Amino acid sequence: MKGTVKVDESLCKGCALCIPVCPKGLLRVANERFNARGVHPAELDDPAELCTGCEMCAIACPEAAITVFRAVKA
């Protein structure tokens, strides 16, 4: 299964609760930019496309700022 994560940066409060729950360690804080709240938002760092779409990050997010997409190979 292939997955990807979309973080709505306007909702992200930079709490980073999503980062430690990712079993693949694919989320990080975007230290190079700020969102409208003035915090560094979370972002997916997955150049090798290892995300499985497990949804742990979305479950951990208290602001519902993370949407997970999953594609099933036919």
C-alpha atoms as a PDB file:
ATOM      1  CA  MET A   1       0.000   0.000   0.000  1.00  0.00           C
ATOM      2  CA  LYS A   2       1.229   3.490  -0.860  1.00  0.00           C
ATOM      3  CA  GLY A   3       0.242   6.473   1.212  1.00  0.00           C
ATOM      4  CA  THR A   4       0.826  10.178   1.465  1.00  0.00           C
ATOM      5  CA  VAL A   5       0.054  12.882   3.977  1.00  0.00           C
ATOM      6  CA  LYS A   6      -1.241  16.407   3.432  1.00  0.00           C
ATOM      7  CA  VAL A   7      -0.822  18.879   6.285  1.00  0.00           C
ATOM      8  CA  ASP A   8      -3.159  21.862   6.265  1.00  0.00           C
ATOM      9  CA  GLU A   9      -0.595  24.376   7.454  1.00  0.00           C
ATOM     10  CA  SER A  10      -3.260  26.952   8.290  1.00  0.00           C
ATOM     11  CA  LEU A  11      -4.613  24.582  10.964  1.00  0.00           C
ATOM     12  CA  CYS A  12      -1.294  23.208  12.255  1.00  0.00           C
ATOM     13  CA  LYS A  13      -0.309  24.660  15.625  1.00  0.00           C
ATOM     14  CA  GLY A  14       3.185  23.182  15.568  1.00  0.00           C
ATOM     15  CA  CYS A  15       2.640  20.857  18.523  1.00  0.00           C
ATOM     16  CA  ALA A  16       4.591  18.068  16.760  1.00  0.00           C
ATOM     17  CA  LEU A  17       2.429  15.317  18.292  1.00  0.00           C
ATOM     18  CA  CYS A  18       2.285  13.676  14.867  1.00  0.00           C
ATOM     19  CA  ILE A  19       6.050  13.266  14.568  1.00  0.00           C
ATOM     20  CA  PRO A  20       6.775  10.550  17.171  1.00  0.00           C
ATOM     21  CA  VAL A  21       3.745   8.433  16.227  1.00  0.00           C
ATOM     22  CA  CYS A  22       4.842   7.924  12.605  1.00  0.00           C
ATOM     23  CA  PRO A  23       6.155   4.339  12.470  1.00  0.00           C
ATOM     24  CA  LYS A  24       8.394   5.203   9.516  1.00  0.00           C
ATOM     25  CA  GLY A  25       9.685   8.497  10.968  1.00  0.00           C
ATOM     26  CA  LEU A  26       8.547  10.484   7.936  1.00  0.00           C
ATOM     27  CA  LEU A  27       7.196  13.638   9.566  1.00  0.00           C
ATOM     28  CA  ARG A  28       9.252  16.601  10.669  1.00  0.00           C
ATOM     29  CA  VAL A  29       8.925  20.236  11.651  1.00  0.00           C
ATOM     30  CA  ALA A  30       9.369  22.604   8.709  1.00  0.00           C
ATOM     31  CA  ASN A  31      12.062  24.767  10.315  1.00  0.00           C
ATOM     32  CA  GLU A  32      12.554  26.862   7.174  1.00  0.00           C
ATOM     33  CA  ARG A  33       9.091  28.454   7.193  1.00  0.00           C
ATOM     34  CA  PHE A  34       6.263  29.679   9.428  1.00  0.00           C
ATOM     35  CA  ASN A  35       2.509  29.383   8.950  1.00  0.00           C
ATOM     36  CA  ALA A  36      -0.083  32.106   9.599  1.00  0.00           C
ATOM     37  CA  ARG A  37      -0.075  31.197  13.313  1.00  0.00           C
ATOM     38  CA  GLY A  38       3.621  32.025  13.452  1.00  0.00           C
ATOM     39  CA  VAL A  39       4.768  28.461  14.130  1.00  0.00           C
ATOM     40  CA  HIS A  40       6.766  25.952  12.167  1.00  0.00           C
ATOM     41  CA  PRO A  41       4.204  23.467  10.777  1.00  0.00           C
ATOM     42  CA  ALA A  42       4.650  19.734  10.411  1.00  0.00           C
ATOM     43  CA  GLU A  43       5.466  18.336   6.993  1.00  0.00           C
ATOM     44  CA  LEU A  44       5.957  14.999   5.303  1.00  0.00           C
ATOM     45  CA  ASP A  45       9.563  14.162   4.398  1.00  0.00           C
ATOM     46  CA  ASP A  46       9.208  11.035   2.264  1.00  0.00           C
ATOM     47  CA  PRO A  47      11.494  11.099  -0.795  1.00  0.00           C
ATOM     48  CA  ALA A  48      11.638   7.279  -0.885  1.00  0.00           C
ATOM     49  CA  GLU A  49       7.809   7.053  -0.744  1.00  0.00           C
ATOM     50  CA  LEU A  50       7.762   4.868   2.372  1.00  0.00           C
ATOM     51  CA  CYS A  51       4.479   6.198   3.777  1.00  0.00           C
ATOM     52  CA  THR A  52       1.920   3.415   4.105  1.00  0.00           C
ATOM     53  CA  GLY A  53      -1.042   5.649   4.920  1.00  0.00           C
ATOM     54  CA  CYS A  54      -1.460   4.154   8.391  1.00  0.00           C
ATOM     55  CA  GLU A  55      -3.227   7.329   9.635  1.00  0.00           C
ATOM     56  CA  MET A  56      -1.439   7.414  13.008  1.00  0.00           C
ATOM     57  CA  CYS A  57      -0.380  11.015  12.383  1.00  0.00           C
ATOM     58  CA  ALA A  58      -3.939  12.101  11.583  1.00  0.00           C
ATOM     59  CA  ILE A  59      -5.266  10.373  14.696  1.00  0.00           C
ATOM     60  CA  ALA A  60      -2.658  12.103  16.887  1.00  0.00           C
ATOM     61  CA  CYS A  61      -3.311  15.578  15.452  1.00  0.00           C
ATOM     62  CA  PRO A  62      -5.513  17.568  17.867  1.00  0.00           C
ATOM     63  CA  GLU A  63      -6.323  20.167  15.201  1.00  0.00           C
ATOM     64  CA  ALA A  64      -7.379  17.685  12.459  1.00  0.00           C
ATOM     65  CA  ALA A  65      -4.779  19.352  10.230  1.00  0.00           C
ATOM     66  CA  ILE A  66      -3.599  16.097   8.637  1.00  0.00           C
ATOM     67  CA  THR A  67      -5.317  14.217   5.849  1.00  0.00           C
ATOM     68  CA  VAL A  68      -3.990  10.821   4.798  1.00  0.00           C
ATOM     69  CA  PHE A  69      -4.375   9.443   1.295  1.00  0.00           C
ATOM     70  CA  ARG A  70      -3.890   5.787   0.508  1.00  0.00           C
ATOM     71  CA  ALA A  71      -3.690   4.000  -2.837  1.00  0.00           C
ATOM     72  CA  VAL A  72      -4.176   0.257  -3.115  1.00  0.00           C
ATOM     73  CA  LYS A  73      -2.180  -1.445  -5.839  1.00  0.00           C
ATOM     74  CA  ALA A  74      -4.412  -3.384  -8.198  1.00  0.00           C
END
